[in-house]
N, C-alpha and C. Protein backbone atom coordinates (compact mmCIF):
# COMPACT_ATOMS: atom_id res chain seq x y z
N MET A 1 0.81 -1.14 -0.14
CA MET A 1 -0.04 -0.01 -0.16
C MET A 1 0.79 1.26 -0.17
N LEU A 2 0.75 2.11 -0.94
CA LEU A 2 1.44 3.43 -1.01
C LEU A 2 0.63 4.31 0.16
N HIS A 3 1.78 4.78 1.07
CA HIS A 3 1.24 5.89 1.97
C HIS A 3 0.83 7.10 1.34
N LYS A 4 -0.16 7.73 1.96
CA LYS A 4 -0.47 9.01 1.28
C LYS A 4 0.24 10.07 2.07
N ARG A 5 0.97 11.12 1.01
CA ARG A 5 1.82 12.21 1.60
C ARG A 5 0.52 13.04 2.15
N LYS A 6 1.08 13.61 3.40
CA LYS A 6 0.27 14.25 4.25
C LYS A 6 0.65 15.99 4.10
N ILE A 7 -0.27 16.69 4.11
CA ILE A 7 0.08 18.06 4.33
C ILE A 7 0.02 18.46 5.68
N ILE A 8 1.06 18.85 6.52
CA ILE A 8 1.07 19.16 7.81
C ILE A 8 1.56 20.67 8.19
N VAL A 9 0.84 21.33 9.02
CA VAL A 9 1.00 22.62 9.42
C VAL A 9 1.73 22.18 11.02
N SER A 10 3.13 22.76 10.87
CA SER A 10 3.70 22.54 12.18
C SER A 10 4.31 23.90 12.32
N ILE A 11 3.88 24.65 13.37
CA ILE A 11 3.99 25.96 13.72
C ILE A 11 4.00 26.33 15.05
N ALA A 12 4.56 27.33 15.60
CA ALA A 12 4.43 27.91 16.97
C ALA A 12 3.64 28.87 17.01
N THR A 13 2.68 29.06 18.24
CA THR A 13 2.09 30.31 18.35
C THR A 13 2.30 30.76 19.85
N SER A 14 1.94 32.11 19.91
CA SER A 14 1.92 32.56 21.19
C SER A 14 0.52 32.01 22.09
N ALA A 15 0.66 32.16 23.22
CA ALA A 15 -0.52 31.52 24.02
C ALA A 15 -1.71 32.10 23.71
N ASP A 16 -1.46 33.44 23.16
CA ASP A 16 -2.90 34.08 22.77
C ASP A 16 -3.07 33.72 21.14
N GLY A 17 -2.51 32.91 20.75
CA GLY A 17 -2.84 32.59 19.15
C GLY A 17 -2.37 33.36 18.16
N PHE A 18 -1.33 34.02 18.16
CA PHE A 18 -0.61 34.58 17.28
C PHE A 18 0.77 33.80 16.70
N ILE A 19 1.10 33.90 15.46
CA ILE A 19 2.40 33.47 14.96
C ILE A 19 3.51 34.36 14.67
N ALA A 20 3.03 35.66 14.85
CA ALA A 20 4.20 36.70 14.85
C ALA A 20 3.27 37.87 15.24
N ARG A 21 4.34 39.03 15.69
CA ARG A 21 3.97 40.08 15.82
C ARG A 21 3.39 40.96 14.38
N PRO A 22 2.28 42.22 14.79
CA PRO A 22 2.06 42.74 13.87
C PRO A 22 3.00 42.93 12.66
N ASP A 23 4.29 43.37 13.02
CA ASP A 23 5.41 43.59 11.92
C ASP A 23 6.16 42.36 11.31
N GLY A 24 5.64 40.99 11.86
CA GLY A 24 6.27 39.90 11.35
C GLY A 24 7.27 39.29 12.20
N SER A 25 7.55 40.03 13.46
CA SER A 25 8.60 39.88 14.41
C SER A 25 8.34 38.52 15.20
N VAL A 26 9.40 37.68 15.21
CA VAL A 26 9.12 36.60 16.12
C VAL A 26 9.99 36.35 17.39
N ASP A 27 10.41 37.54 17.80
CA ASP A 27 11.34 37.83 18.83
C ASP A 27 10.85 37.09 20.08
N TRP A 28 9.67 36.94 20.32
CA TRP A 28 9.23 36.03 21.59
C TRP A 28 9.54 34.74 21.26
N LEU A 29 9.95 34.04 20.24
CA LEU A 29 10.38 32.71 20.13
C LEU A 29 12.09 32.44 20.25
N ASP A 30 12.73 33.52 20.47
CA ASP A 30 14.03 33.38 20.99
C ASP A 30 14.13 33.20 22.41
N ARG A 31 14.16 31.86 22.92
CA ARG A 31 14.37 31.39 24.17
C ARG A 31 15.15 29.96 24.23
N PRO A 32 15.64 29.66 25.28
CA PRO A 32 16.21 28.39 25.27
C PRO A 32 15.14 27.07 24.96
N ARG A 33 15.88 26.23 24.33
CA ARG A 33 14.97 25.29 23.88
C ARG A 33 15.44 23.83 24.53
N PRO A 34 14.48 22.98 25.08
CA PRO A 34 14.86 21.93 25.75
C PRO A 34 15.75 20.81 24.95
N LYS A 35 16.31 19.80 25.32
CA LYS A 35 16.86 18.64 24.77
C LYS A 35 16.12 18.13 23.67
N GLY A 36 16.30 17.83 22.33
CA GLY A 36 15.17 17.52 21.28
C GLY A 36 14.65 18.62 20.85
N ASN A 37 14.73 19.77 21.14
CA ASN A 37 13.96 20.83 20.37
C ASN A 37 12.45 20.60 19.88
N TYR A 38 11.84 20.01 21.02
CA TYR A 38 10.14 19.94 20.74
C TYR A 38 9.91 18.92 19.72
N GLY A 39 10.94 17.86 19.17
CA GLY A 39 10.71 16.88 18.45
C GLY A 39 10.85 17.44 16.82
N MET A 40 11.28 18.71 16.61
CA MET A 40 11.42 18.98 15.45
C MET A 40 12.42 18.47 14.34
N GLY A 41 13.45 17.68 14.83
CA GLY A 41 14.43 17.08 14.51
C GLY A 41 13.82 15.71 13.71
N ALA A 42 13.01 15.14 14.53
CA ALA A 42 12.47 13.88 14.04
C ALA A 42 11.23 14.43 13.02
N PHE A 43 10.60 15.46 13.15
CA PHE A 43 9.42 15.90 12.14
C PHE A 43 10.36 16.17 10.85
N TYR A 44 11.39 17.05 10.82
CA TYR A 44 12.05 17.46 9.55
C TYR A 44 12.54 16.22 8.85
N LYS A 45 12.90 15.18 9.53
CA LYS A 45 13.24 13.87 8.87
C LYS A 45 11.84 13.14 8.19
N SER A 46 10.63 13.58 8.63
CA SER A 46 9.49 13.07 7.96
C SER A 46 8.95 13.87 6.78
N ILE A 47 9.66 14.96 6.60
CA ILE A 47 9.28 15.59 5.50
C ILE A 47 10.13 15.86 4.22
N ASP A 48 9.92 16.25 3.11
CA ASP A 48 10.93 16.34 1.91
C ASP A 48 10.62 17.59 1.09
N THR A 49 9.47 18.20 1.81
CA THR A 49 8.89 19.55 0.92
C THR A 49 8.32 20.34 1.91
N ILE A 50 8.57 21.83 1.63
CA ILE A 50 8.03 22.74 2.43
C ILE A 50 7.30 23.89 1.47
N LEU A 51 6.25 24.17 2.04
CA LEU A 51 5.25 25.01 1.41
C LEU A 51 5.50 26.37 2.14
N TRP A 52 5.62 27.47 1.40
CA TRP A 52 5.75 28.98 1.99
C TRP A 52 4.68 29.87 1.38
N GLY A 53 4.22 30.68 1.98
CA GLY A 53 3.40 31.95 1.52
C GLY A 53 4.31 32.94 1.21
N ARG A 54 3.99 33.96 0.19
CA ARG A 54 5.10 34.69 -0.18
C ARG A 54 5.66 35.65 0.97
N LYS A 55 4.65 35.99 1.73
CA LYS A 55 5.06 36.88 2.91
C LYS A 55 5.76 36.28 4.09
N THR A 56 5.90 34.91 4.22
CA THR A 56 6.72 34.19 4.97
C THR A 56 7.94 34.04 4.31
N CYS A 57 8.05 33.71 2.89
CA CYS A 57 9.22 33.51 2.38
C CYS A 57 10.05 35.06 2.36
N ASP A 58 9.37 36.22 2.17
CA ASP A 58 10.01 37.41 2.23
C ASP A 58 10.70 37.63 3.68
N MET A 59 9.97 37.28 4.88
CA MET A 59 10.49 37.25 6.30
C MET A 59 11.66 36.53 6.17
N ALA A 60 11.82 35.25 5.58
CA ALA A 60 13.03 34.29 5.78
C ALA A 60 14.00 35.19 4.97
N LEU A 61 13.84 35.66 3.70
CA LEU A 61 15.02 36.31 3.16
C LEU A 61 15.42 37.75 3.79
N GLY A 62 14.58 38.25 4.54
CA GLY A 62 14.92 39.30 5.21
C GLY A 62 15.72 39.05 6.59
N PHE A 63 15.63 37.80 7.18
CA PHE A 63 16.49 37.41 8.22
C PHE A 63 17.83 37.00 7.73
N GLN A 64 17.94 36.39 6.38
CA GLN A 64 19.34 36.27 5.85
C GLN A 64 19.93 37.62 5.64
N LYS A 65 19.28 38.57 5.11
CA LYS A 65 19.92 39.62 4.83
C LYS A 65 20.44 40.59 6.19
N LYS A 66 19.89 40.18 7.39
CA LYS A 66 20.21 40.65 8.57
C LYS A 66 21.68 40.01 9.06
N GLY A 67 22.15 39.11 8.37
CA GLY A 67 23.48 38.65 8.87
C GLY A 67 23.23 37.04 8.91
N ALA A 68 22.19 36.50 8.88
CA ALA A 68 22.11 34.98 9.22
C ALA A 68 23.27 34.19 7.88
N THR A 69 23.76 33.37 8.23
CA THR A 69 24.60 32.62 7.31
C THR A 69 23.89 31.70 6.58
N GLY A 70 24.32 31.40 5.22
CA GLY A 70 23.87 30.32 4.43
C GLY A 70 22.80 30.74 3.75
N SER A 71 21.91 29.85 3.00
CA SER A 71 20.54 30.28 2.41
C SER A 71 19.54 30.60 3.27
N ALA A 72 18.48 31.14 2.82
CA ALA A 72 17.34 30.97 3.62
C ALA A 72 16.57 29.74 3.54
N PHE A 73 16.82 29.05 2.53
CA PHE A 73 16.21 27.84 2.14
C PHE A 73 16.94 26.57 2.20
N ASP A 74 16.55 25.78 2.88
CA ASP A 74 17.25 24.35 2.72
C ASP A 74 17.05 23.75 1.54
N THR A 75 18.13 23.44 0.61
CA THR A 75 17.76 23.04 -0.78
C THR A 75 18.08 21.56 -0.88
N SER A 76 18.28 21.04 0.62
CA SER A 76 18.02 19.37 0.41
C SER A 76 16.53 18.83 0.46
N VAL A 77 15.50 19.82 0.55
CA VAL A 77 14.13 19.65 0.75
C VAL A 77 13.81 20.44 -0.57
N LYS A 78 12.60 20.37 -1.16
CA LYS A 78 12.00 20.91 -2.34
C LYS A 78 11.22 22.21 -1.61
N ASN A 79 11.36 23.15 -2.05
CA ASN A 79 10.76 24.56 -1.68
C ASN A 79 9.62 25.14 -2.45
N TYR A 80 8.51 25.31 -2.27
CA TYR A 80 7.49 25.91 -3.19
C TYR A 80 7.06 27.02 -2.32
N VAL A 81 7.03 28.53 -3.22
CA VAL A 81 6.46 29.49 -2.67
C VAL A 81 5.20 29.79 -3.67
N PHE A 82 4.29 30.18 -2.84
CA PHE A 82 2.73 30.45 -3.41
C PHE A 82 2.75 31.89 -3.70
N THR A 83 2.57 32.53 -4.69
CA THR A 83 2.65 33.92 -5.00
C THR A 83 1.79 34.15 -6.31
N ARG A 84 1.16 35.36 -6.47
CA ARG A 84 0.40 35.70 -7.66
C ARG A 84 1.37 36.06 -8.78
N ASN A 85 2.57 36.93 -8.18
CA ASN A 85 3.40 37.43 -8.99
C ASN A 85 4.61 36.46 -9.41
N LEU A 86 4.29 36.08 -10.51
CA LEU A 86 5.52 35.06 -11.19
C LEU A 86 6.86 35.94 -11.84
N GLN A 87 6.62 37.09 -11.49
CA GLN A 87 7.86 37.85 -11.91
C GLN A 87 8.95 38.18 -11.04
N LEU A 88 8.54 37.53 -9.83
CA LEU A 88 9.45 37.72 -8.91
C LEU A 88 10.73 36.82 -9.15
N ALA A 89 11.98 37.16 -8.68
CA ALA A 89 13.12 36.29 -8.83
C ALA A 89 13.31 35.48 -7.90
N ALA A 90 13.17 34.06 -8.35
CA ALA A 90 12.94 33.02 -7.07
C ALA A 90 14.20 32.66 -6.49
N PRO A 91 14.23 32.77 -5.20
CA PRO A 91 15.64 32.49 -4.76
C PRO A 91 15.94 30.96 -4.95
N ALA A 92 17.52 30.90 -4.88
CA ALA A 92 18.05 29.37 -5.08
C ALA A 92 17.45 28.43 -4.32
N GLY A 93 16.93 27.05 -5.20
CA GLY A 93 16.30 26.15 -4.37
C GLY A 93 14.61 26.33 -4.30
N VAL A 94 14.05 27.37 -4.95
CA VAL A 94 12.67 27.59 -4.66
C VAL A 94 12.12 27.69 -5.89
N GLU A 95 10.82 27.15 -6.07
CA GLU A 95 9.78 27.16 -7.30
C GLU A 95 8.78 28.01 -6.81
N LEU A 96 8.36 29.03 -7.65
CA LEU A 96 7.14 29.83 -7.59
C LEU A 96 5.94 29.11 -8.15
N VAL A 97 4.83 29.03 -7.48
CA VAL A 97 3.91 28.53 -7.80
C VAL A 97 2.48 29.56 -7.64
N SER A 98 1.83 29.59 -8.68
CA SER A 98 0.61 30.32 -8.81
C SER A 98 -0.71 29.53 -9.23
N GLU A 99 -0.38 28.24 -9.29
CA GLU A 99 -1.51 27.44 -9.78
C GLU A 99 -2.46 26.98 -8.65
N PRO A 100 -3.78 26.79 -9.08
CA PRO A 100 -4.90 26.51 -7.92
C PRO A 100 -4.40 25.57 -7.07
N ILE A 101 -4.81 25.86 -5.68
CA ILE A 101 -4.40 25.01 -4.53
C ILE A 101 -4.79 23.50 -4.63
N LYS A 102 -5.92 23.41 -5.12
CA LYS A 102 -6.50 21.62 -5.02
C LYS A 102 -5.78 21.18 -6.02
N ARG A 103 -5.57 21.70 -7.34
CA ARG A 103 -4.80 21.14 -8.63
C ARG A 103 -3.20 20.94 -7.98
N PHE A 104 -2.54 21.78 -7.36
CA PHE A 104 -1.21 21.77 -7.10
C PHE A 104 -1.06 20.43 -5.91
N ALA A 105 -2.07 20.64 -4.88
CA ALA A 105 -1.80 19.63 -3.88
C ALA A 105 -2.15 18.27 -4.32
N THR A 106 -2.97 17.92 -5.19
CA THR A 106 -3.34 16.91 -5.98
C THR A 106 -2.04 16.32 -6.37
N ARG A 107 -1.50 17.21 -7.34
CA ARG A 107 -0.29 16.79 -8.23
C ARG A 107 0.82 16.48 -7.30
N LEU A 108 0.99 17.20 -6.15
CA LEU A 108 2.21 16.82 -5.43
C LEU A 108 1.99 15.82 -4.41
N ARG A 109 0.91 15.42 -4.14
CA ARG A 109 0.49 14.10 -3.42
C ARG A 109 0.87 12.95 -4.18
N GLN A 110 0.46 13.17 -5.58
CA GLN A 110 0.65 11.92 -6.58
C GLN A 110 2.28 11.60 -6.58
N LYS A 111 3.07 12.47 -6.45
CA LYS A 111 4.61 12.25 -6.51
C LYS A 111 5.11 11.33 -5.27
N LYS A 112 5.96 10.59 -5.45
CA LYS A 112 6.31 9.77 -4.40
C LYS A 112 7.28 10.47 -3.38
N GLY A 113 7.18 10.16 -2.23
CA GLY A 113 7.97 11.20 -1.15
C GLY A 113 7.45 10.97 0.02
N LYS A 114 8.11 11.82 1.15
CA LYS A 114 7.74 12.14 2.32
C LYS A 114 6.38 13.19 2.48
N HIS A 115 6.38 13.40 3.81
CA HIS A 115 5.18 14.42 3.96
C HIS A 115 5.63 15.76 3.61
N ILE A 116 4.82 16.40 3.70
CA ILE A 116 5.06 18.03 3.33
C ILE A 116 4.78 19.00 4.19
N TRP A 117 5.58 19.84 4.45
CA TRP A 117 5.63 20.83 5.71
C TRP A 117 5.06 22.17 5.15
N MET A 118 3.75 22.35 5.92
CA MET A 118 2.99 23.78 5.23
C MET A 118 3.78 24.73 6.34
N MET A 119 4.62 25.55 5.91
CA MET A 119 5.54 26.41 6.59
C MET A 119 4.73 27.65 6.99
N GLY A 120 3.87 28.01 6.31
CA GLY A 120 2.98 29.25 6.65
C GLY A 120 3.07 30.52 5.70
N GLY A 121 2.37 31.51 5.86
CA GLY A 121 1.84 32.00 6.93
C GLY A 121 0.43 31.74 6.96
N ALA A 122 -0.29 33.01 7.59
CA ALA A 122 -1.66 32.77 7.87
C ALA A 122 -2.76 32.64 6.49
N GLY A 123 -2.10 33.34 5.65
CA GLY A 123 -3.02 33.35 4.38
C GLY A 123 -2.87 32.26 3.60
N ILE A 124 -1.72 31.54 3.52
CA ILE A 124 -1.62 30.36 2.89
C ILE A 124 -2.05 29.20 3.42
N ILE A 125 -2.00 29.17 5.01
CA ILE A 125 -2.75 28.25 5.97
C ILE A 125 -4.20 28.14 5.41
N ALA A 126 -4.72 29.56 5.70
CA ALA A 126 -6.28 29.41 5.28
C ALA A 126 -6.39 29.11 4.06
N SER A 127 -5.89 29.47 3.12
CA SER A 127 -6.22 29.11 1.62
C SER A 127 -6.09 27.66 1.54
N PHE A 128 -5.31 26.93 2.20
CA PHE A 128 -5.13 25.24 1.90
C PHE A 128 -6.15 24.99 2.90
N LEU A 129 -6.53 25.24 3.91
CA LEU A 129 -7.56 24.78 4.77
C LEU A 129 -8.80 24.91 4.21
N HIS A 130 -9.27 26.00 3.36
CA HIS A 130 -10.63 26.12 2.78
C HIS A 130 -10.58 25.39 1.73
N ALA A 131 -9.57 24.80 1.02
CA ALA A 131 -9.48 24.01 -0.20
C ALA A 131 -9.47 22.62 0.40
N GLY A 132 -9.47 22.44 1.70
CA GLY A 132 -9.75 20.90 2.10
C GLY A 132 -8.16 20.09 2.09
N GLU A 133 -6.95 20.81 2.03
CA GLU A 133 -5.62 20.29 1.53
C GLU A 133 -4.75 20.30 2.76
N ILE A 134 -5.37 20.40 3.95
CA ILE A 134 -4.39 20.26 5.03
C ILE A 134 -4.94 19.15 5.98
N ASP A 135 -4.10 18.18 6.16
CA ASP A 135 -4.32 16.86 7.01
C ASP A 135 -4.21 16.82 8.41
N GLU A 136 -3.04 17.80 8.88
CA GLU A 136 -2.85 17.69 10.04
C GLU A 136 -2.35 19.04 10.57
N PHE A 137 -2.44 19.50 11.94
CA PHE A 137 -1.77 20.76 12.54
C PHE A 137 -0.89 20.28 14.00
N ILE A 138 0.46 20.81 13.74
CA ILE A 138 1.21 20.59 14.89
C ILE A 138 1.40 21.81 15.32
N ILE A 139 0.82 22.06 16.44
CA ILE A 139 0.78 23.37 17.19
C ILE A 139 1.79 23.42 18.46
N HIS A 140 2.85 24.07 18.56
CA HIS A 140 3.50 24.38 19.82
C HIS A 140 3.21 25.86 20.29
N VAL A 141 2.37 25.82 21.23
CA VAL A 141 2.00 26.83 21.81
C VAL A 141 3.06 27.27 23.20
N ILE A 142 3.41 28.31 22.95
CA ILE A 142 4.46 29.09 23.75
C ILE A 142 3.87 29.56 24.72
N PRO A 143 4.51 29.49 26.15
CA PRO A 143 3.58 30.25 27.16
C PRO A 143 4.06 31.69 27.31
N THR A 144 3.67 32.53 26.26
CA THR A 144 4.00 33.87 26.32
C THR A 144 2.94 34.55 25.64
N PHE A 145 2.25 35.65 26.24
CA PHE A 145 1.17 36.36 25.50
C PHE A 145 1.93 37.63 24.85
N ILE A 146 1.24 37.96 23.65
CA ILE A 146 2.12 38.96 22.82
C ILE A 146 1.08 40.09 22.47
N GLY A 147 -0.18 39.87 22.85
CA GLY A 147 -1.30 41.03 22.78
C GLY A 147 -1.65 41.16 21.43
N ASP A 148 -1.04 41.08 20.48
CA ASP A 148 -1.51 41.25 19.02
C ASP A 148 -0.43 40.81 18.04
N GLY A 149 -1.18 40.58 16.81
CA GLY A 149 -0.07 40.08 15.50
C GLY A 149 -0.93 39.29 14.72
N ILE A 150 -0.10 38.42 13.81
CA ILE A 150 -0.66 37.79 13.04
C ILE A 150 -1.18 36.38 13.38
N PRO A 151 -2.63 36.02 13.30
CA PRO A 151 -3.07 34.82 13.66
C PRO A 151 -2.62 33.60 13.03
N LEU A 152 -2.98 32.44 13.49
CA LEU A 152 -2.69 31.29 12.91
C LEU A 152 -2.95 31.07 11.64
N MET A 153 -4.16 31.77 11.28
CA MET A 153 -4.74 31.63 9.80
C MET A 153 -5.60 33.08 9.63
N GLU A 154 -5.67 33.34 8.65
CA GLU A 154 -6.29 34.51 8.41
C GLU A 154 -7.73 34.48 8.71
N PRO A 155 -8.32 35.51 9.30
CA PRO A 155 -9.63 35.45 9.76
C PRO A 155 -10.82 35.02 8.61
N LYS A 156 -11.85 34.23 8.99
CA LYS A 156 -12.94 33.86 8.21
C LYS A 156 -13.56 33.02 9.04
N ARG A 157 -15.08 33.35 8.70
CA ARG A 157 -15.94 32.53 9.81
C ARG A 157 -15.86 31.03 8.92
N ARG A 158 -15.49 29.98 10.01
CA ARG A 158 -15.33 28.71 9.40
C ARG A 158 -15.47 27.72 10.72
N THR A 159 -15.95 26.46 10.49
CA THR A 159 -15.85 25.60 11.57
C THR A 159 -15.50 24.39 10.85
N VAL A 160 -14.05 24.19 11.40
CA VAL A 160 -13.39 22.75 11.07
C VAL A 160 -12.92 21.92 12.11
N PRO A 161 -13.53 20.92 12.38
CA PRO A 161 -13.43 19.85 13.46
C PRO A 161 -12.09 19.27 13.38
N LEU A 162 -11.55 19.18 14.54
CA LEU A 162 -10.21 18.59 14.55
C LEU A 162 -10.27 17.42 15.67
N LYS A 163 -9.42 16.37 15.38
CA LYS A 163 -9.32 15.19 16.12
C LYS A 163 -7.85 15.24 16.84
N LEU A 164 -7.90 15.28 18.22
CA LEU A 164 -6.61 15.17 18.78
C LEU A 164 -5.91 14.20 18.40
N ILE A 165 -4.59 13.99 17.99
CA ILE A 165 -3.84 12.84 17.75
C ILE A 165 -2.97 12.85 19.13
N SER A 166 -2.35 13.89 19.65
CA SER A 166 -1.51 13.68 20.91
C SER A 166 -1.47 15.23 21.33
N SER A 167 -0.76 15.00 22.56
CA SER A 167 -0.39 16.14 23.20
C SER A 167 0.65 15.81 23.89
N ALA A 168 1.57 17.09 24.32
CA ALA A 168 2.89 16.90 25.07
C ALA A 168 2.94 18.24 25.68
N LYS A 169 3.66 18.16 26.92
CA LYS A 169 3.93 19.15 27.45
C LYS A 169 5.43 19.02 27.76
N PHE A 170 6.30 20.42 27.64
CA PHE A 170 7.60 20.24 27.97
C PHE A 170 8.03 21.01 29.23
N PRO A 171 9.04 20.70 29.70
CA PRO A 171 9.56 21.51 31.26
C PRO A 171 9.61 22.95 31.20
N ASP A 172 9.74 23.51 29.90
CA ASP A 172 9.55 25.04 29.71
C ASP A 172 8.16 25.62 29.81
N GLY A 173 7.23 25.04 29.58
CA GLY A 173 5.89 25.34 29.64
C GLY A 173 5.13 25.20 28.25
N VAL A 174 6.06 24.83 27.32
CA VAL A 174 5.60 24.60 25.91
C VAL A 174 4.66 23.57 25.81
N VAL A 175 3.44 23.61 25.09
CA VAL A 175 2.65 22.45 25.00
C VAL A 175 2.35 22.35 23.46
N LYS A 176 2.66 21.09 22.88
CA LYS A 176 2.57 20.65 21.78
C LYS A 176 0.88 20.08 21.39
N LEU A 177 0.36 20.24 20.73
CA LEU A 177 -0.81 19.77 20.30
C LEU A 177 -0.79 19.30 18.82
N HIS A 178 -1.20 18.00 18.48
CA HIS A 178 -1.01 17.43 17.09
C HIS A 178 -2.42 16.93 16.73
N TYR A 179 -3.10 17.77 15.99
CA TYR A 179 -4.53 17.49 15.48
C TYR A 179 -4.68 16.92 14.11
N ALA A 180 -5.45 16.03 13.55
CA ALA A 180 -5.86 15.55 12.44
C ALA A 180 -7.20 16.55 12.01
N VAL A 181 -6.96 16.78 10.83
CA VAL A 181 -8.29 17.87 10.26
C VAL A 181 -9.33 16.83 9.92
N HIS A 182 -10.62 16.89 10.42
CA HIS A 182 -11.51 15.85 9.99
C HIS A 182 -12.10 16.63 8.62
N LYS A 183 -12.01 15.39 7.67
CA LYS A 183 -12.33 15.36 6.54
C LYS A 183 -13.54 14.98 6.14
N SER A 184 -14.65 15.91 5.54
CA SER A 184 -15.89 15.54 5.22
C SER A 184 -16.11 14.68 4.12
N SER A 185 -17.01 13.55 4.10
CA SER A 185 -17.11 12.65 2.87
C SER A 185 -17.68 13.32 2.01
């Protein structure tokens, strides 16, 4: 039996549900991490593809310009950036995508490979969820309120039932919630 490639959102949020400050800053994530880094190493070994929204891509490139060494993108995995503007210069190791989400996700799932990491941000997560193309959410809730910012996904009236797969708490107060998205038949 061929295993189905899953599209998995794995992301950190503040305790009040934001993935970044209004300006995109994630300074509140700069904190000591416990041994095992919340299981991110194991998760990273389970994927071979990363999906980025254009704003999240721009933010990663901004970090690189501020002095981070190396590429903003791990070229050992396939990186897709969703944008309406295909005239942008794609960074090394990145393919720009403007095709409809349903068609893209179907094509991607048909290729052999590991699972697919939906990196974010809020717009692309909402678009994939609306299209029924997110299988799981792994949310690391950081025990910090930031008061205002970019929500986990763009606001829209929706009801999306989730099934808890697992939860874990870490010594530093971080809680990891792993949900499957209920798919309607």
